[in-house]
Amino acid sequence: MSRPSAIATLLLLVCTSCSQKPAVKGPAKHYTLTGKVLSLNSKDRTASVNAAAIPDYMEAMTMSYPIASKSEFDSLRIGEQIQATVNAYDSGDYDLSAVKDLGKK
């Protein structure tokens, strides 16, 4: 393979991989989460939340959650008490949606 052909093939592969749609997460189970926002990571659009136990799903714990909506992420503030829906996908992915400030600090 000539050098120009190799470069063209490499560029085609790079362009193709960048244009792929994100993987479908599949069906989800939904759980109500309440907790306190401890930190925010705008690069990854995640929030570290100290959450209360969710019956039949998980114990109380602090963990980082991706926020599905950019506008909901942008409205979050460190220290606020929130209620949200945990979307637990069959793929093993999870995120938060329907995030609401409970107004308690």
PDB file of N, CA and C in Angstrom:
ATOM      1  N   MET A   1       0.859  -1.179   0.000  1.00  0.00           N
ATOM      2  CA  MET A   1       0.000   0.000   0.000  1.00  0.00           C
ATOM      3  C   MET A   1       0.898   1.233   0.000  1.00  0.00           C
ATOM      4  N   SER A   2       0.563   2.161  -0.871  1.00  0.00           N
ATOM      5  CA  SER A   2       1.366   3.381  -0.951  1.00  0.00           C
ATOM      6  C   SER A   2       1.081   4.278   0.254  1.00  0.00           C
ATOM      7  N   ARG A   3       1.983   5.180   0.513  1.00  0.00           N
ATOM      8  CA  ARG A   3       1.830   6.087   1.661  1.00  0.00           C
ATOM      9  C   ARG A   3       0.556   6.938   1.553  1.00  0.00           C
ATOM     10  N   PRO A   4       0.232   7.557   0.395  1.00  0.00           N
ATOM     11  CA  PRO A   4      -1.011   8.324   0.294  1.00  0.00           C
ATOM     12  C   PRO A   4      -2.252   7.454   0.540  1.00  0.00           C
ATOM     13  N   SER A   5      -2.211   6.205   0.083  1.00  0.00           N
ATOM     14  CA  SER A   5      -3.350   5.299   0.308  1.00  0.00           C
ATOM     15  C   SER A   5      -3.494   4.967   1.789  1.00  0.00           C
ATOM     16  N   ALA A   6      -2.363   4.751   2.453  1.00  0.00           N
ATOM     17  CA  ALA A   6      -2.386   4.445   3.885  1.00  0.00           C
ATOM     18  C   ALA A   6      -2.943   5.629   4.674  1.00  0.00           C
ATOM     19  N   ILE A   7      -2.521   6.827   4.323  1.00  0.00           N
ATOM     20  CA  ILE A   7      -3.012   8.028   5.007  1.00  0.00           C
ATOM     21  C   ILE A   7      -4.505   8.204   4.760  1.00  0.00           C
ATOM     22  N   ALA A   8      -4.944   8.000   3.525  1.00  0.00           N
ATOM     23  CA  ALA A   8      -6.368   8.130   3.198  1.00  0.00           C
ATOM     24  C   ALA A   8      -7.192   7.102   3.965  1.00  0.00           C
ATOM     25  N   THR A   9      -6.687   5.868   4.069  1.00  0.00           N
ATOM     26  CA  THR A   9      -7.394   4.823   4.815  1.00  0.00           C
ATOM     27  C   THR A   9      -7.481   5.182   6.292  1.00  0.00           C
ATOM     28  N   LEU A  10      -6.400   5.669   6.859  1.00  0.00           N
ATOM     29  CA  LEU A  10      -6.382   6.072   8.264  1.00  0.00           C
ATOM     30  C   LEU A  10      -7.380   7.207   8.519  1.00  0.00           C
ATOM     31  N   LEU A  11      -7.396   8.204   7.644  1.00  0.00           N
ATOM     32  CA  LEU A  11      -8.342   9.313   7.797  1.00  0.00           C
ATOM     33  C   LEU A  11      -9.787   8.836   7.695  1.00  0.00           C
ATOM     34  N   LEU A  12     -10.053   7.914   6.805  1.00  0.00           N
ATOM     35  CA  LEU A  12     -11.394   7.357   6.665  1.00  0.00           C
ATOM     36  C   LEU A  12     -11.821   6.640   7.937  1.00  0.00           C
ATOM     37  N   LEU A  13     -10.914   5.858   8.517  1.00  0.00           N
ATOM     38  CA  LEU A  13     -11.229   5.157   9.763  1.00  0.00           C
ATOM     39  C   LEU A  13     -11.502   6.127  10.906  1.00  0.00           C
ATOM     40  N   VAL A  14     -10.700   7.165  11.013  1.00  0.00           N
ATOM     41  CA  VAL A  14     -10.889   8.170  12.069  1.00  0.00           C
ATOM     42  C   VAL A  14     -12.230   8.873  11.896  1.00  0.00           C
ATOM     43  N   CYS A  15     -12.542   9.291  10.685  1.00  0.00           N
ATOM     44  CA  CYS A  15     -13.803   9.994  10.428  1.00  0.00           C
ATOM     45  C   CYS A  15     -15.004   9.094  10.684  1.00  0.00           C
ATOM     46  N   THR A  16     -14.900   7.842  10.303  1.00  0.00           N
ATOM     47  CA  THR A  16     -15.997   6.893  10.507  1.00  0.00           C
ATOM     48  C   THR A  16     -16.237   6.666  11.990  1.00  0.00           C
ATOM     49  N   SER A  17     -15.162   6.503  12.765  1.00  0.00           N
ATOM     50  CA  SER A  17     -15.339   6.242  14.193  1.00  0.00           C
ATOM     51  C   SER A  17     -15.893   7.456  14.919  1.00  0.00           C
ATOM     52  N   CYS A  18     -15.601   8.657  14.457  1.00  0.00           N
ATOM     53  CA  CYS A  18     -16.105   9.870  15.102  1.00  0.00           C
ATOM     54  C   CYS A  18     -17.576  10.119  14.793  1.00  0.00           C
ATOM     55  N   SER A  19     -18.057   9.585  13.692  1.00  0.00           N
ATOM     56  CA  SER A  19     -19.435   9.867  13.298  1.00  0.00           C
ATOM     57  C   SER A  19     -20.420   8.818  13.775  1.00  0.00           C
ATOM     58  N   GLN A  20     -19.951   7.804  14.482  1.00  0.00           N
ATOM     59  CA  GLN A  20     -20.854   6.765  14.951  1.00  0.00           C
ATOM     60  C   GLN A  20     -21.765   7.302  16.048  1.00  0.00           C
ATOM     61  N   LYS A  21     -23.006   6.803  16.045  1.00  0.00           N
ATOM     62  CA  LYS A  21     -23.961   7.186  17.082  1.00  0.00           C
ATOM     63  C   LYS A  21     -23.566   6.495  18.382  1.00  0.00           C
ATOM     64  N   PRO A  22     -23.892   7.116  19.540  1.00  0.00           N
ATOM     65  CA  PRO A  22     -23.588   6.465  20.804  1.00  0.00           C
ATOM     66  C   PRO A  22     -24.374   5.154  20.918  1.00  0.00           C
ATOM     67  N   ALA A  23     -23.815   4.211  21.660  1.00  0.00           N
ATOM     68  CA  ALA A  23     -24.473   2.921  21.841  1.00  0.00           C
ATOM     69  C   ALA A  23     -25.822   3.103  22.539  1.00  0.00           C
ATOM     70  N   VAL A  24     -26.788   2.322  22.115  1.00  0.00           N
ATOM     71  CA  VAL A  24     -28.113   2.353  22.738  1.00  0.00           C
ATOM     72  C   VAL A  24     -28.002   1.679  24.100  1.00  0.00           C
ATOM     73  N   LYS A  25     -28.543   2.313  25.108  1.00  0.00           N
ATOM     74  CA  LYS A  25     -28.434   1.788  26.464  1.00  0.00           C
ATOM     75  C   LYS A  25     -29.451   0.698  26.752  1.00  0.00           C
ATOM     76  N   GLY A  26     -30.539   0.654  25.993  1.00  0.00           N
ATOM     77  CA  GLY A  26     -31.561  -0.372  26.198  1.00  0.00           C
ATOM     78  C   GLY A  26     -32.576   0.031  27.246  1.00  0.00           C
ATOM     79  N   PRO A  27     -33.455  -0.916  27.601  1.00  0.00           N
ATOM     80  CA  PRO A  27     -34.502  -0.633  28.588  1.00  0.00           C
ATOM     81  C   PRO A  27     -33.903  -0.261  29.950  1.00  0.00           C
ATOM     82  N   ALA A  28     -34.664   0.472  30.724  1.00  0.00           N
ATOM     83  CA  ALA A  28     -34.185   0.903  32.041  1.00  0.00           C
ATOM     84  C   ALA A  28     -35.232   0.650  33.113  1.00  0.00           C
ATOM     85  N   LYS A  29     -34.747   0.459  34.321  1.00  0.00           N
ATOM     86  CA  LYS A  29     -35.606   0.452  35.507  1.00  0.00           C
ATOM     87  C   LYS A  29     -35.399   1.824  36.141  1.00  0.00           C
ATOM     88  N   HIS A  30     -36.429   2.339  36.794  1.00  0.00           N
ATOM     89  CA  HIS A  30     -36.379   3.693  37.337  1.00  0.00           C
ATOM     90  C   HIS A  30     -36.612   3.660  38.848  1.00  0.00           C
ATOM     91  N   TYR A  31     -35.788   4.417  39.563  1.00  0.00           N
ATOM     92  CA  TYR A  31     -35.852   4.488  41.024  1.00  0.00           C
ATOM     93  C   TYR A  31     -35.761   5.944  41.457  1.00  0.00           C
ATOM     94  N   THR A  32     -36.435   6.278  42.554  1.00  0.00           N
ATOM     95  CA  THR A  32     -36.373   7.633  43.083  1.00  0.00           C
ATOM     96  C   THR A  32     -35.201   7.761  44.040  1.00  0.00           C
ATOM     97  N   LEU A  33     -34.367   8.763  43.809  1.00  0.00           N
ATOM     98  CA  LEU A  33     -33.192   9.046  44.628  1.00  0.00           C
ATOM     99  C   LEU A  33     -33.397  10.381  45.336  1.00  0.00           C
ATOM    100  N   THR A  34     -33.016  10.445  46.599  1.00  0.00           N
ATOM    101  CA  THR A  34     -32.929  11.722  47.310  1.00  0.00           C
ATOM    102  C   THR A  34     -31.533  11.801  47.914  1.00  0.00           C
ATOM    103  N   GLY A  35     -30.959  12.991  47.894  1.00  0.00           N
ATOM    104  CA  GLY A  35     -29.626  13.132  48.448  1.00  0.00           C
ATOM    105  C   GLY A  35     -29.098  14.542  48.328  1.00  0.00           C
ATOM    106  N   LYS A  36     -27.848  14.705  48.748  1.00  0.00           N
ATOM    107  CA  LYS A  36     -27.184  16.005  48.755  1.00  0.00           C
ATOM    108  C   LYS A  36     -26.058  16.000  47.728  1.00  0.00           C
ATOM    109  N   VAL A  37     -26.000  17.046  46.897  1.00  0.00           N
ATOM    110  CA  VAL A  37     -24.947  17.193  45.897  1.00  0.00           C
ATOM    111  C   VAL A  37     -23.663  17.606  46.617  1.00  0.00           C
ATOM    112  N   LEU A  38     -22.610  16.778  46.476  1.00  0.00           N
ATOM    113  CA  LEU A  38     -21.336  17.062  47.137  1.00  0.00           C
ATOM    114  C   LEU A  38     -20.331  17.729  46.211  1.00  0.00           C
ATOM    115  N   SER A  39     -20.360  17.362  44.931  1.00  0.00           N
ATOM    116  CA  SER A  39     -19.452  17.977  43.964  1.00  0.00           C
ATOM    117  C   SER A  39     -20.019  17.812  42.561  1.00  0.00           C
ATOM    118  N   LEU A  40     -19.494  18.636  41.653  1.00  0.00           N
ATOM    119  CA  LEU A  40     -19.942  18.620  40.258  1.00  0.00           C
ATOM    120  C   LEU A  40     -18.719  18.554  39.356  1.00  0.00           C
ATOM    121  N   ASN A  41     -18.801  17.762  38.281  1.00  0.00           N
ATOM    122  CA  ASN A  41     -17.730  17.652  37.308  1.00  0.00           C
ATOM    123  C   ASN A  41     -18.309  18.028  35.952  1.00  0.00           C
ATOM    124  N   SER A  42     -18.072  19.264  35.523  1.00  0.00           N
ATOM    125  CA  SER A  42     -18.674  19.740  34.279  1.00  0.00           C
ATOM    126  C   SER A  42     -18.075  19.056  33.050  1.00  0.00           C
ATOM    127  N   LYS A  43     -16.831  18.630  33.125  1.00  0.00           N
ATOM    128  CA  LYS A  43     -16.207  17.947  31.988  1.00  0.00           C
ATOM    129  C   LYS A  43     -16.950  16.648  31.669  1.00  0.00           C
ATOM    130  N   ASP A  44     -17.243  15.869  32.703  1.00  0.00           N
ATOM    131  CA  ASP A  44     -17.930  14.581  32.516  1.00  0.00           C
ATOM    132  C   ASP A  44     -19.442  14.684  32.693  1.00  0.00           C
ATOM    133  N   ARG A  45     -19.913  15.871  33.091  1.00  0.00           N
ATOM    134  CA  ARG A  45     -21.331  16.125  33.399  1.00  0.00           C
ATOM    135  C   ARG A  45     -21.847  15.093  34.410  1.00  0.00           C
ATOM    136  N   THR A  46     -21.109  15.005  35.532  1.00  0.00           N
ATOM    137  CA  THR A  46     -21.485  14.113  36.618  1.00  0.00           C
ATOM    138  C   THR A  46     -21.616  14.897  37.920  1.00  0.00           C
ATOM    139  N   ALA A  47     -22.414  14.332  38.819  1.00  0.00           N
ATOM    140  CA  ALA A  47     -22.589  14.907  40.148  1.00  0.00           C
ATOM    141  C   ALA A  47     -22.327  13.821  41.176  1.00  0.00           C
ATOM    142  N   SER A  48     -21.523  14.136  42.174  1.00  0.00           N
ATOM    143  CA  SER A  48     -21.323  13.236  43.300  1.00  0.00           C
ATOM    144  C   SER A  48     -22.439  13.527  44.295  1.00  0.00           C
ATOM    145  N   VAL A  49     -23.226  12.498  44.596  1.00  0.00           N
ATOM    146  CA  VAL A  49     -24.405  12.669  45.443  1.00  0.00           C
ATOM    147  C   VAL A  49     -24.315  11.724  46.626  1.00  0.00           C
ATOM    148  N   ASN A  50     -24.514  12.262  47.834  1.00  0.00           N
ATOM    149  CA  ASN A  50     -24.648  11.456  49.045  1.00  0.00           C
ATOM    150  C   ASN A  50     -26.125  11.099  49.132  1.00  0.00           C
ATOM    151  N   ALA A  51     -26.469   9.892  48.669  1.00  0.00           N
ATOM    152  CA  ALA A  51     -27.874   9.505  48.517  1.00  0.00           C
ATOM    153  C   ALA A  51     -28.361   8.611  49.636  1.00  0.00           C
ATOM    154  N   ALA A  52     -29.632   8.760  49.949  1.00  0.00           N
ATOM    155  CA  ALA A  52     -30.302   7.877  50.906  1.00  0.00           C
ATOM    156  C   ALA A  52     -30.478   6.505  50.256  1.00  0.00           C
ATOM    157  N   ALA A  53     -30.747   5.499  51.069  1.00  0.00           N
ATOM    158  CA  ALA A  53     -30.994   4.154  50.548  1.00  0.00           C
ATOM    159  C   ALA A  53     -32.195   4.176  49.601  1.00  0.00           C
ATOM    160  N   ILE A  54     -32.122   3.345  48.584  1.00  0.00           N
ATOM    161  CA  ILE A  54     -33.232   3.169  47.649  1.00  0.00           C
ATOM    162  C   ILE A  54     -33.727   1.741  47.846  1.00  0.00           C
ATOM    163  N   PRO A  55     -34.908   1.578  48.469  1.00  0.00           N
ATOM    164  CA  PRO A  55     -35.407   0.227  48.762  1.00  0.00           C
ATOM    165  C   PRO A  55     -35.393  -0.671  47.522  1.00  0.00           C
ATOM    166  N   ASP A  56     -34.960  -1.907  47.725  1.00  0.00           N
ATOM    167  CA  ASP A  56     -34.896  -2.926  46.667  1.00  0.00           C
ATOM    168  C   ASP A  56     -33.923  -2.582  45.547  1.00  0.00           C
ATOM    169  N   TYR A  57     -33.024  -1.607  45.775  1.00  0.00           N
ATOM    170  CA  TYR A  57     -32.044  -1.290  44.738  1.00  0.00           C
ATOM    171  C   TYR A  57     -30.634  -1.137  45.316  1.00  0.00           C
ATOM    172  N   MET A  58     -30.444  -0.189  46.256  1.00  0.00           N
ATOM    173  CA  MET A  58     -29.108  -0.008  46.825  1.00  0.00           C
ATOM    174  C   MET A  58     -29.165   0.660  48.196  1.00  0.00           C
ATOM    175  N   GLU A  59     -28.101   0.423  48.954  1.00  0.00           N
ATOM    176  CA  GLU A  59     -27.959   1.032  50.274  1.00  0.00           C
ATOM    177  C   GLU A  59     -27.615   2.516  50.119  1.00  0.00           C
ATOM    178  N   ALA A  60     -27.712   3.250  51.223  1.00  0.00           N
ATOM    179  CA  ALA A  60     -27.286   4.652  51.220  1.00  0.00           C
ATOM    180  C   ALA A  60     -25.796   4.693  50.895  1.00  0.00           C
ATOM    181  N   MET A  61     -25.417   5.586  49.989  1.00  0.00           N
ATOM    182  CA  MET A  61     -24.005   5.713  49.627  1.00  0.00           C
ATOM    183  C   MET A  61     -23.763   6.999  48.853  1.00  0.00           C
ATOM    184  N   THR A  62     -22.502   7.356  48.791  1.00  0.00           N
ATOM    185  CA  THR A  62     -22.088   8.488  47.957  1.00  0.00           C
ATOM    186  C   THR A  62     -21.468   7.931  46.693  1.00  0.00           C
ATOM    187  N   MET A  63     -21.952   8.395  45.557  1.00  0.00           N
ATOM    188  CA  MET A  63     -21.373   7.986  44.281  1.00  0.00           C
ATOM    189  C   MET A  63     -21.600   9.050  43.224  1.00  0.00           C
ATOM    190  N   SER A  64     -20.890   8.911  42.133  1.00  0.00           N
ATOM    191  CA  SER A  64     -20.976   9.862  41.037  1.00  0.00           C
ATOM    192  C   SER A  64     -22.008   9.376  40.024  1.00  0.00           C
ATOM    193  N   TYR A  65     -22.888  10.284  39.614  1.00  0.00           N
ATOM    194  CA  TYR A  65     -23.941   9.962  38.651  1.00  0.00           C
ATOM    195  C   TYR A  65     -23.828  10.860  37.428  1.00  0.00           C
ATOM    196  N   PRO A  66     -23.855  10.278  36.229  1.00  0.00           N
ATOM    197  CA  PRO A  66     -23.995  11.110  35.035  1.00  0.00           C
ATOM    198  C   PRO A  66     -25.383  11.761  35.058  1.00  0.00           C
ATOM    199  N   ILE A  67     -25.475  12.997  34.600  1.00  0.00           N
ATOM    200  CA  ILE A  67     -26.762  13.697  34.522  1.00  0.00           C
ATOM    201  C   ILE A  67     -27.186  13.697  33.059  1.00  0.00           C
ATOM    202  N   ALA A  68     -28.361  13.146  32.773  1.00  0.00           N
ATOM    203  CA  ALA A  68     -28.816  12.962  31.393  1.00  0.00           C
ATOM    204  C   ALA A  68     -28.960  14.284  30.644  1.00  0.00           C
ATOM    205  N   SER A  69     -29.502  15.299  31.291  1.00  0.00           N
ATOM    206  CA  SER A  69     -29.789  16.572  30.633  1.00  0.00           C
ATOM    207  C   SER A  69     -28.748  17.630  30.991  1.00  0.00           C
ATOM    208  N   LYS A  70     -28.207  18.285  29.968  1.00  0.00           N
ATOM    209  CA  LYS A  70     -27.243  19.363  30.213  1.00  0.00           C
ATOM    210  C   LYS A  70     -27.885  20.496  31.005  1.00  0.00           C
ATOM    211  N   SER A  71     -29.127  20.854  30.691  1.00  0.00           N
ATOM    212  CA  SER A  71     -29.777  21.955  31.419  1.00  0.00           C
ATOM    213  C   SER A  71     -30.012  21.578  32.884  1.00  0.00           C
ATOM    214  N   GLU A  72     -30.337  20.319  33.166  1.00  0.00           N
ATOM    215  CA  GLU A  72     -30.490  19.895  34.565  1.00  0.00           C
ATOM    216  C   GLU A  72     -29.140  19.923  35.277  1.00  0.00           C
ATOM    217  N   PHE A  73     -28.076  19.476  34.590  1.00  0.00           N
ATOM    218  CA  PHE A  73     -26.747  19.535  35.199  1.00  0.00           C
ATOM    219  C   PHE A  73     -26.381  20.978  35.523  1.00  0.00           C
ATOM    220  N   ASP A  74     -26.600  21.875  34.568  1.00  0.00           N
ATOM    221  CA  ASP A  74     -26.244  23.280  34.756  1.00  0.00           C
ATOM    222  C   ASP A  74     -27.004  23.942  35.897  1.00  0.00           C
ATOM    223  N   SER A  75     -28.166  23.408  36.255  1.00  0.00           N
ATOM    224  CA  SER A  75     -28.964  23.997  37.333  1.00  0.00           C
ATOM    225  C   SER A  75     -28.548  23.488  38.718  1.00  0.00           C
ATOM    226  N   LEU A  76     -27.728  22.444  38.771  1.00  0.00           N
ATOM    227  CA  LEU A  76     -27.314  21.878  40.062  1.00  0.00           C
ATOM    228  C   LEU A  76     -26.331  22.781  40.792  1.00  0.00           C
ATOM    229  N   ARG A  77     -26.405  22.767  42.112  1.00  0.00           N
ATOM    230  CA  ARG A  77     -25.490  23.531  42.960  1.00  0.00           C
ATOM    231  C   ARG A  77     -24.971  22.622  44.073  1.00  0.00           C
ATOM    232  N   ILE A  78     -23.690  22.757  44.387  1.00  0.00           N
ATOM    233  CA  ILE A  78     -23.104  21.993  45.489  1.00  0.00           C
ATOM    234  C   ILE A  78     -23.819  22.366  46.781  1.00  0.00           C
ATOM    235  N   GLY A  79     -24.164  21.359  47.558  1.00  0.00           N
ATOM    236  CA  GLY A  79     -24.827  21.559  48.843  1.00  0.00           C
ATOM    237  C   GLY A  79     -26.330  21.438  48.794  1.00  0.00           C
ATOM    238  N   GLU A  80     -26.927  21.458  47.602  1.00  0.00           N
ATOM    239  CA  GLU A  80     -28.390  21.384  47.540  1.00  0.00           C
ATOM    240  C   GLU A  80     -28.889  19.949  47.709  1.00  0.00           C
ATOM    241  N   GLN A  81     -30.057  19.855  48.319  1.00  0.00           N
ATOM    242  CA  GLN A  81     -30.757  18.575  48.459  1.00  0.00           C
ATOM    243  C   GLN A  81     -31.585  18.368  47.198  1.00  0.00           C
ATOM    244  N   ILE A  82     -31.465  17.182  46.603  1.00  0.00           N
ATOM    245  CA  ILE A  82     -32.191  16.925  45.369  1.00  0.00           C
ATOM    246  C   ILE A  82     -33.035  15.659  45.454  1.00  0.00           C
ATOM    247  N   GLN A  83     -33.978  15.593  44.556  1.00  0.00           N
ATOM    248  CA  GLN A  83     -34.696  14.360  44.276  1.00  0.00           C
ATOM    249  C   GLN A  83     -34.532  14.145  42.772  1.00  0.00           C
ATOM    250  N   ALA A  84     -34.316  12.911  42.367  1.00  0.00           N
ATOM    251  CA  ALA A  84     -34.102  12.617  40.945  1.00  0.00           C
ATOM    252  C   ALA A  84     -34.522  11.185  40.660  1.00  0.00           C
ATOM    253  N   THR A  85     -34.584  10.865  39.388  1.00  0.00           N
ATOM    254  CA  THR A  85     -34.858   9.499  38.963  1.00  0.00           C
ATOM    255  C   THR A  85     -33.548   8.860  38.528  1.00  0.00           C
ATOM    256  N   VAL A  86     -33.232   7.705  39.134  1.00  0.00           N
ATOM    257  CA  VAL A  86     -32.085   6.913  38.683  1.00  0.00           C
ATOM    258  C   VAL A  86     -32.601   6.009  37.566  1.00  0.00           C
ATOM    259  N   ASN A  87     -31.998   6.115  36.408  1.00  0.00           N
ATOM    260  CA  ASN A  87     -32.324   5.258  35.275  1.00  0.00           C
ATOM    261  C   ASN A  87     -31.236   4.196  35.207  1.00  0.00           C
ATOM    262  N   ALA A  88     -31.578   2.948  35.549  1.00  0.00           N
ATOM    263  CA  ALA A  88     -30.623   1.837  35.546  1.00  0.00           C
ATOM    264  C   ALA A  88     -30.898   0.987  34.312  1.00  0.00           C
ATOM    265  N   TYR A  89     -29.985   1.058  33.340  1.00  0.00           N
ATOM    266  CA  TYR A  89     -30.177   0.392  32.056  1.00  0.00           C
ATOM    267  C   TYR A  89     -29.693  -1.051  32.096  1.00  0.00           C
ATOM    268  N   ASP A  90     -30.297  -1.893  31.270  1.00  0.00           N
ATOM    269  CA  ASP A  90     -29.902  -3.296  31.182  1.00  0.00           C
ATOM    270  C   ASP A  90     -28.436  -3.447  30.789  1.00  0.00           C
ATOM    271  N   SER A  91     -27.883  -2.457  30.099  1.00  0.00           N
ATOM    272  CA  SER A  91     -26.482  -2.491  29.666  1.00  0.00           C
ATOM    273  C   SER A  91     -25.510  -2.321  30.835  1.00  0.00           C
ATOM    274  N   GLY A  92     -26.038  -1.927  32.002  1.00  0.00           N
ATOM    275  CA  GLY A  92     -25.187  -1.648  33.159  1.00  0.00           C
ATOM    276  C   GLY A  92     -24.926  -0.167  33.346  1.00  0.00           C
ATOM    277  N   ASP A  93     -25.280   0.645  32.351  1.00  0.00           N
ATOM    278  CA  ASP A  93     -25.146   2.094  32.473  1.00  0.00           C
ATOM    279  C   ASP A  93     -26.232   2.629  33.396  1.00  0.00           C
ATOM    280  N   TYR A  94     -26.031   3.831  33.891  1.00  0.00           N
ATOM    281  CA  TYR A  94     -27.034   4.500  34.719  1.00  0.00           C
ATOM    282  C   TYR A  94     -26.849   5.997  34.569  1.00  0.00           C
ATOM    283  N   ASP A  95     -27.909   6.736  34.861  1.00  0.00           N
ATOM    284  CA  ASP A  95     -27.831   8.191  34.902  1.00  0.00           C
ATOM    285  C   ASP A  95     -28.993   8.727  35.716  1.00  0.00           C
ATOM    286  N   LEU A  96     -28.958  10.035  35.938  1.00  0.00           N
ATOM    287  CA  LEU A  96     -30.044  10.706  36.668  1.00  0.00           C
ATOM    288  C   LEU A  96     -30.812  11.591  35.705  1.00  0.00           C
ATOM    289  N   SER A  97     -32.117  11.627  35.899  1.00  0.00           N
ATOM    290  CA  SER A  97     -32.978  12.548  35.146  1.00  0.00           C
ATOM    291  C   SER A  97     -34.046  13.085  36.099  1.00  0.00           C
ATOM    292  N   ALA A  98     -34.845  14.014  35.606  1.00  0.00           N
ATOM    293  CA  ALA A  98     -35.916  14.621  36.409  1.00  0.00           C
ATOM    294  C   ALA A  98     -35.380  15.133  37.755  1.00  0.00           C
ATOM    295  N   VAL A  99     -34.241  15.826  37.714  1.00  0.00           N
ATOM    296  CA  VAL A  99     -33.585  16.335  38.910  1.00  0.00           C
ATOM    297  C   VAL A  99     -34.327  17.570  39.422  1.00  0.00           C
ATOM    298  N   LYS A 100     -34.671  17.551  40.725  1.00  0.00           N
ATOM    299  CA  LYS A 100     -35.392  18.675  41.342  1.00  0.00           C
ATOM    300  C   LYS A 100     -34.685  19.094  42.621  1.00  0.00           C
ATOM    301  N   ASP A 101     -34.577  20.387  42.828  1.00  0.00           N
ATOM    302  CA  ASP A 101     -34.035  20.944  44.082  1.00  0.00           C
ATOM    303  C   ASP A 101     -35.135  20.862  45.132  1.00  0.00           C
ATOM    304  N   LEU A 102     -34.831  20.221  46.247  1.00  0.00           N
ATOM    305  CA  LEU A 102     -35.810  20.104  47.326  1.00  0.00           C
ATOM    306  C   LEU A 102     -35.809  21.322  48.244  1.00  0.00           C
ATOM    307  N   GLY A 103     -34.892  22.269  48.020  1.00  0.00           N
ATOM    308  CA  GLY A 103     -34.899  23.524  48.754  1.00  0.00           C
ATOM    309  C   GLY A 103     -34.369  23.448  50.163  1.00  0.00           C
ATOM    310  N   LYS A 104     -33.763  22.333  50.564  1.00  0.00           N
ATOM    311  CA  LYS A 104     -33.187  22.211  51.901  1.00  0.00           C
ATOM    312  C   LYS A 104     -31.680  22.286  51.786  1.00  0.00           C
ATOM    313  N   LYS A 105     -31.048  23.095  52.608  1.00  0.00           N
ATOM    314  CA  LYS A 105     -29.577  23.184  52.577  1.00  0.00           C
ATOM    315  C   LYS A 105     -29.006  22.969  53.940  1.00  0.00           C
TER     316      LYS A 105
END
